[in-house]
């Protein structure tokens, strides 16, 4: 039986290989209203990916060539609760992961 291989590495001219980014964990963050919430996205890939935090189609924060990006939300209100999306992108591929912020 033949099983297709999943591609995780893209090689381009000159033998430079790129590995698709991978985001680690997707933990829920819970804070009390008025506190600071820190949402951290950690990713790996070759080359090192660009990381971005998004909410409801709005880019909140971005960093190039990094393995970690923290979105700090000071004095969160209940309206800040919801899902935040971390996106990681490099020349091989892109991926995303949601984090839920719970405010009580």
N, C-alpha and C. Protein backbone atom coordinates (compact mmCIF):
# COMPACT_ATOMS: atom_id res chain seq x y z
N UNK A 1 0.84 -1.17 0.00
CA UNK A 1 0.00 0.00 0.00
C UNK A 1 0.89 1.24 0.00
N UNK A 2 0.58 2.19 -0.84
CA UNK A 2 1.33 3.44 -0.94
C UNK A 2 0.60 4.53 -0.19
N UNK A 3 1.29 5.23 0.71
CA UNK A 3 0.71 6.35 1.44
C UNK A 3 1.35 7.65 0.97
N UNK A 4 0.57 8.65 0.63
CA UNK A 4 1.15 9.93 0.20
C UNK A 4 1.89 10.60 1.35
N UNK A 5 2.96 11.28 1.01
CA UNK A 5 3.75 11.98 2.02
C UNK A 5 3.23 13.40 2.19
N UNK A 6 3.22 13.86 3.43
CA UNK A 6 2.85 15.24 3.72
C UNK A 6 4.11 16.10 3.62
N UNK A 7 4.05 17.17 2.86
CA UNK A 7 5.22 18.02 2.68
C UNK A 7 5.35 19.00 3.84
N UNK A 8 6.53 19.07 4.40
CA UNK A 8 6.77 20.04 5.47
C UNK A 8 8.03 20.85 5.17
N UNK A 9 8.68 20.58 4.07
CA UNK A 9 9.92 21.29 3.72
C UNK A 9 9.87 21.64 2.23
N UNK A 10 10.20 22.87 1.91
CA UNK A 10 10.23 23.32 0.53
C UNK A 10 11.65 23.74 0.22
N UNK A 11 12.25 23.14 -0.81
CA UNK A 11 13.61 23.51 -1.19
C UNK A 11 13.56 24.36 -2.46
N UNK A 12 14.36 25.41 -2.46
CA UNK A 12 14.42 26.27 -3.62
C UNK A 12 15.83 26.25 -4.19
N UNK A 13 16.03 26.92 -5.28
CA UNK A 13 17.32 26.93 -5.96
C UNK A 13 18.44 27.28 -4.98
N UNK A 14 19.54 26.57 -5.07
CA UNK A 14 20.68 26.80 -4.20
C UNK A 14 20.61 25.97 -2.92
N UNK A 15 19.70 25.02 -2.87
CA UNK A 15 19.57 24.09 -1.75
C UNK A 15 19.21 24.77 -0.43
N UNK A 16 18.49 25.86 -0.52
CA UNK A 16 17.97 26.49 0.69
C UNK A 16 16.61 25.87 0.97
N UNK A 17 16.47 25.25 2.13
CA UNK A 17 15.20 24.62 2.47
C UNK A 17 14.41 25.49 3.43
N UNK A 18 13.11 25.47 3.24
CA UNK A 18 12.21 26.21 4.13
C UNK A 18 11.28 25.20 4.79
N UNK A 19 11.10 25.37 6.08
CA UNK A 19 10.20 24.50 6.84
C UNK A 19 9.00 25.33 7.27
N UNK A 20 7.82 24.81 6.99
CA UNK A 20 6.58 25.52 7.32
C UNK A 20 6.52 25.84 8.81
N UNK A 21 5.96 27.00 9.16
CA UNK A 21 5.86 27.36 10.57
C UNK A 21 4.89 26.46 11.33
N UNK A 22 5.17 26.30 12.60
CA UNK A 22 4.31 25.53 13.50
C UNK A 22 4.11 26.36 14.76
N UNK A 23 2.86 26.55 15.16
CA UNK A 23 2.54 27.30 16.36
C UNK A 23 2.36 26.32 17.51
N UNK A 24 3.00 26.62 18.63
CA UNK A 24 2.92 25.77 19.82
C UNK A 24 1.76 26.22 20.71
N UNK A 25 0.97 25.29 21.13
CA UNK A 25 -0.15 25.44 22.08
C UNK A 25 -1.18 26.49 21.69
N UNK A 26 -2.30 26.39 22.31
CA UNK A 26 -3.38 27.36 22.09
C UNK A 26 -4.16 27.51 23.40
N UNK A 27 -3.45 27.80 24.46
CA UNK A 27 -4.04 27.90 25.79
C UNK A 27 -5.02 29.06 25.90
N UNK A 28 -6.05 28.84 26.71
CA UNK A 28 -7.01 29.89 27.05
C UNK A 28 -6.39 30.77 28.12
N UNK A 29 -6.58 32.08 28.01
CA UNK A 29 -6.09 33.03 29.00
C UNK A 29 -7.29 33.56 29.76
N UNK A 30 -7.24 33.50 31.10
CA UNK A 30 -8.32 33.98 31.94
C UNK A 30 -7.80 35.06 32.87
N UNK A 31 -8.47 36.22 32.87
CA UNK A 31 -8.07 37.33 33.73
C UNK A 31 -9.30 37.97 34.37
N UNK A 32 -9.05 38.71 35.43
CA UNK A 32 -10.09 39.48 36.09
C UNK A 32 -10.17 40.84 35.41
N UNK A 33 -11.38 41.33 35.24
CA UNK A 33 -11.59 42.64 34.63
C UNK A 33 -10.71 43.69 35.32
N UNK A 34 -10.03 44.51 34.52
CA UNK A 34 -9.14 45.54 35.05
C UNK A 34 -7.69 45.12 35.11
N UNK A 35 -7.42 43.80 34.98
CA UNK A 35 -6.04 43.31 34.97
C UNK A 35 -5.46 43.38 33.56
N UNK A 36 -4.17 43.10 33.47
CA UNK A 36 -3.49 43.03 32.18
C UNK A 36 -3.51 41.59 31.68
N UNK A 37 -3.87 41.41 30.42
CA UNK A 37 -3.84 40.09 29.78
C UNK A 37 -2.65 40.03 28.84
N UNK A 38 -1.90 38.93 28.90
CA UNK A 38 -0.78 38.70 27.99
C UNK A 38 -1.06 37.44 27.19
N UNK A 39 -1.19 37.61 25.87
CA UNK A 39 -1.39 36.48 24.97
C UNK A 39 -0.08 36.26 24.23
N UNK A 40 0.50 35.09 24.41
CA UNK A 40 1.80 34.81 23.79
C UNK A 40 1.67 33.74 22.71
N UNK A 41 2.26 34.03 21.58
CA UNK A 41 2.30 33.09 20.46
C UNK A 41 3.75 32.68 20.25
N UNK A 42 4.01 31.39 20.28
CA UNK A 42 5.35 30.85 20.05
C UNK A 42 5.29 29.96 18.81
N UNK A 43 6.21 30.19 17.89
CA UNK A 43 6.21 29.42 16.64
C UNK A 43 7.63 29.10 16.21
N UNK A 44 7.75 28.06 15.41
CA UNK A 44 9.04 27.68 14.83
C UNK A 44 8.88 27.57 13.33
N UNK A 45 9.98 27.56 12.62
CA UNK A 45 9.98 27.41 11.17
C UNK A 45 11.30 27.89 10.60
N UNK A 46 11.58 27.50 9.36
CA UNK A 46 12.80 27.93 8.67
C UNK A 46 12.38 28.47 7.31
N UNK A 47 12.66 29.74 7.02
CA UNK A 47 13.24 30.72 7.92
C UNK A 47 12.28 31.05 9.07
N UNK A 48 12.83 31.73 10.07
CA UNK A 48 12.04 32.13 11.22
C UNK A 48 10.83 32.92 10.71
N UNK A 49 9.64 32.62 11.21
CA UNK A 49 8.44 33.24 10.64
C UNK A 49 8.18 34.68 11.08
N UNK A 50 7.26 35.30 10.36
CA UNK A 50 6.64 36.55 10.77
C UNK A 50 5.43 36.16 11.60
N UNK A 51 5.25 36.77 12.75
CA UNK A 51 4.11 36.48 13.62
C UNK A 51 3.19 37.68 13.69
N UNK A 52 1.89 37.41 13.78
CA UNK A 52 0.90 38.48 13.86
C UNK A 52 -0.22 38.07 14.81
N UNK A 53 -0.77 39.06 15.52
CA UNK A 53 -1.97 38.88 16.33
C UNK A 53 -3.11 39.62 15.65
N UNK A 54 -4.26 38.94 15.49
CA UNK A 54 -5.45 39.49 14.85
C UNK A 54 -6.66 39.30 15.75
N UNK A 55 -7.63 40.20 15.63
CA UNK A 55 -8.94 40.00 16.25
C UNK A 55 -9.99 40.61 15.33
N UNK A 56 -10.98 39.81 15.01
CA UNK A 56 -12.10 40.26 14.16
C UNK A 56 -11.64 40.96 12.89
N UNK A 57 -10.62 40.39 12.23
CA UNK A 57 -10.14 40.94 10.97
C UNK A 57 -9.25 42.15 11.10
N UNK A 58 -8.87 42.52 12.32
CA UNK A 58 -8.00 43.68 12.54
C UNK A 58 -6.63 43.22 13.03
N UNK A 59 -5.58 43.67 12.36
CA UNK A 59 -4.22 43.37 12.79
C UNK A 59 -3.91 44.19 14.03
N UNK A 60 -3.52 43.50 15.12
CA UNK A 60 -3.23 44.18 16.38
C UNK A 60 -1.74 44.37 16.63
N UNK A 61 -0.93 43.38 16.19
CA UNK A 61 0.51 43.46 16.43
C UNK A 61 1.21 42.51 15.47
N UNK A 62 2.42 42.89 15.04
CA UNK A 62 3.17 42.08 14.09
C UNK A 62 4.67 42.20 14.37
N UNK A 63 5.39 41.12 14.10
CA UNK A 63 6.85 41.13 14.23
C UNK A 63 7.45 40.18 13.19
N UNK A 64 8.55 40.61 12.58
CA UNK A 64 9.23 39.84 11.54
C UNK A 64 10.40 39.08 12.14
N UNK A 65 10.63 37.87 11.65
CA UNK A 65 11.77 37.04 12.05
C UNK A 65 11.85 36.85 13.56
N UNK A 66 10.80 36.30 14.13
CA UNK A 66 10.78 36.06 15.56
C UNK A 66 10.09 34.74 15.86
N UNK A 67 10.42 34.16 16.99
CA UNK A 67 9.78 32.90 17.38
C UNK A 67 8.74 33.11 18.47
N UNK A 68 8.62 34.35 18.98
CA UNK A 68 7.63 34.62 20.02
C UNK A 68 7.13 36.05 19.92
N UNK A 69 5.82 36.20 20.08
CA UNK A 69 5.20 37.52 20.03
C UNK A 69 4.11 37.57 21.10
N UNK A 70 4.22 38.55 22.00
CA UNK A 70 3.24 38.70 23.08
C UNK A 70 2.39 39.93 22.82
N UNK A 71 1.09 39.71 22.87
CA UNK A 71 0.12 40.80 22.78
C UNK A 71 -0.30 41.15 24.20
N UNK A 72 -0.01 42.38 24.62
CA UNK A 72 -0.35 42.84 25.97
C UNK A 72 -1.57 43.73 25.90
N UNK A 73 -2.60 43.35 26.66
CA UNK A 73 -3.84 44.11 26.71
C UNK A 73 -4.01 44.64 28.13
N UNK A 74 -3.66 45.92 28.37
CA UNK A 74 -3.76 46.47 29.73
C UNK A 74 -5.21 46.77 30.12
N UNK A 75 -5.50 46.61 31.38
CA UNK A 75 -6.81 46.94 31.94
C UNK A 75 -7.97 46.40 31.09
N UNK A 76 -7.99 45.09 30.88
CA UNK A 76 -9.01 44.49 30.02
C UNK A 76 -10.41 44.66 30.62
N UNK A 77 -11.35 44.82 29.74
CA UNK A 77 -12.76 44.91 30.10
C UNK A 77 -13.46 43.66 29.57
N UNK A 78 -14.66 43.43 30.02
CA UNK A 78 -15.39 42.25 29.54
C UNK A 78 -15.56 42.28 28.02
N UNK A 79 -15.63 43.47 27.45
CA UNK A 79 -15.75 43.59 25.99
C UNK A 79 -14.50 43.08 25.26
N UNK A 80 -13.38 42.96 25.97
CA UNK A 80 -12.14 42.45 25.37
C UNK A 80 -12.15 40.94 25.23
N UNK A 81 -13.07 40.28 25.93
CA UNK A 81 -13.14 38.82 25.89
C UNK A 81 -13.46 38.36 24.47
N UNK A 82 -12.96 37.19 24.14
CA UNK A 82 -13.24 36.63 22.82
C UNK A 82 -12.05 35.85 22.30
N UNK A 83 -12.03 35.68 20.99
CA UNK A 83 -10.97 34.90 20.35
C UNK A 83 -9.99 35.82 19.64
N UNK A 84 -8.73 35.54 19.85
CA UNK A 84 -7.63 36.25 19.21
C UNK A 84 -6.87 35.22 18.38
N UNK A 85 -6.43 35.63 17.19
CA UNK A 85 -5.78 34.70 16.28
C UNK A 85 -4.30 35.06 16.11
N UNK A 86 -3.46 34.06 16.32
CA UNK A 86 -2.03 34.20 16.02
C UNK A 86 -1.79 33.60 14.64
N UNK A 87 -1.09 34.33 13.79
CA UNK A 87 -0.73 33.84 12.46
C UNK A 87 0.79 33.81 12.34
N UNK A 88 1.30 32.72 11.78
CA UNK A 88 2.73 32.57 11.53
C UNK A 88 2.91 32.30 10.04
N UNK A 89 3.87 33.00 9.44
CA UNK A 89 4.07 32.89 7.99
C UNK A 89 5.55 32.96 7.64
N UNK A 90 5.96 32.09 6.72
CA UNK A 90 7.28 32.19 6.10
C UNK A 90 7.14 31.75 4.64
N UNK A 91 8.26 31.63 3.93
CA UNK A 91 8.19 31.32 2.50
C UNK A 91 7.62 29.93 2.22
N UNK A 92 7.62 29.04 3.21
CA UNK A 92 7.12 27.69 2.98
C UNK A 92 5.61 27.59 3.11
N UNK A 93 5.02 28.35 4.05
CA UNK A 93 3.58 28.22 4.29
C UNK A 93 3.15 29.24 5.34
N UNK A 94 1.89 29.16 5.71
CA UNK A 94 1.38 29.96 6.82
C UNK A 94 0.41 29.10 7.62
N UNK A 95 0.22 29.47 8.87
CA UNK A 95 -0.69 28.75 9.75
C UNK A 95 -1.26 29.72 10.76
N UNK A 96 -2.32 29.33 11.43
CA UNK A 96 -2.91 30.17 12.45
C UNK A 96 -3.45 29.32 13.59
N UNK A 97 -3.60 29.98 14.74
CA UNK A 97 -4.09 29.32 15.94
C UNK A 97 -4.87 30.35 16.76
N UNK A 98 -6.00 29.93 17.31
CA UNK A 98 -6.81 30.85 18.12
C UNK A 98 -6.49 30.71 19.60
N UNK A 99 -6.56 31.83 20.31
CA UNK A 99 -6.47 31.86 21.77
C UNK A 99 -7.76 32.50 22.27
N UNK A 100 -8.35 31.91 23.29
CA UNK A 100 -9.54 32.52 23.87
C UNK A 100 -9.14 33.33 25.09
N UNK A 101 -9.67 34.54 25.16
CA UNK A 101 -9.47 35.39 26.33
C UNK A 101 -10.80 35.43 27.09
N UNK A 102 -10.76 35.00 28.34
CA UNK A 102 -11.93 35.04 29.20
C UNK A 102 -11.71 36.12 30.25
N UNK A 103 -12.67 37.03 30.39
CA UNK A 103 -12.58 38.11 31.36
C UNK A 103 -13.77 37.96 32.31
N UNK A 104 -13.46 37.90 33.61
CA UNK A 104 -14.56 37.82 34.59
C UNK A 104 -14.37 38.79 35.71
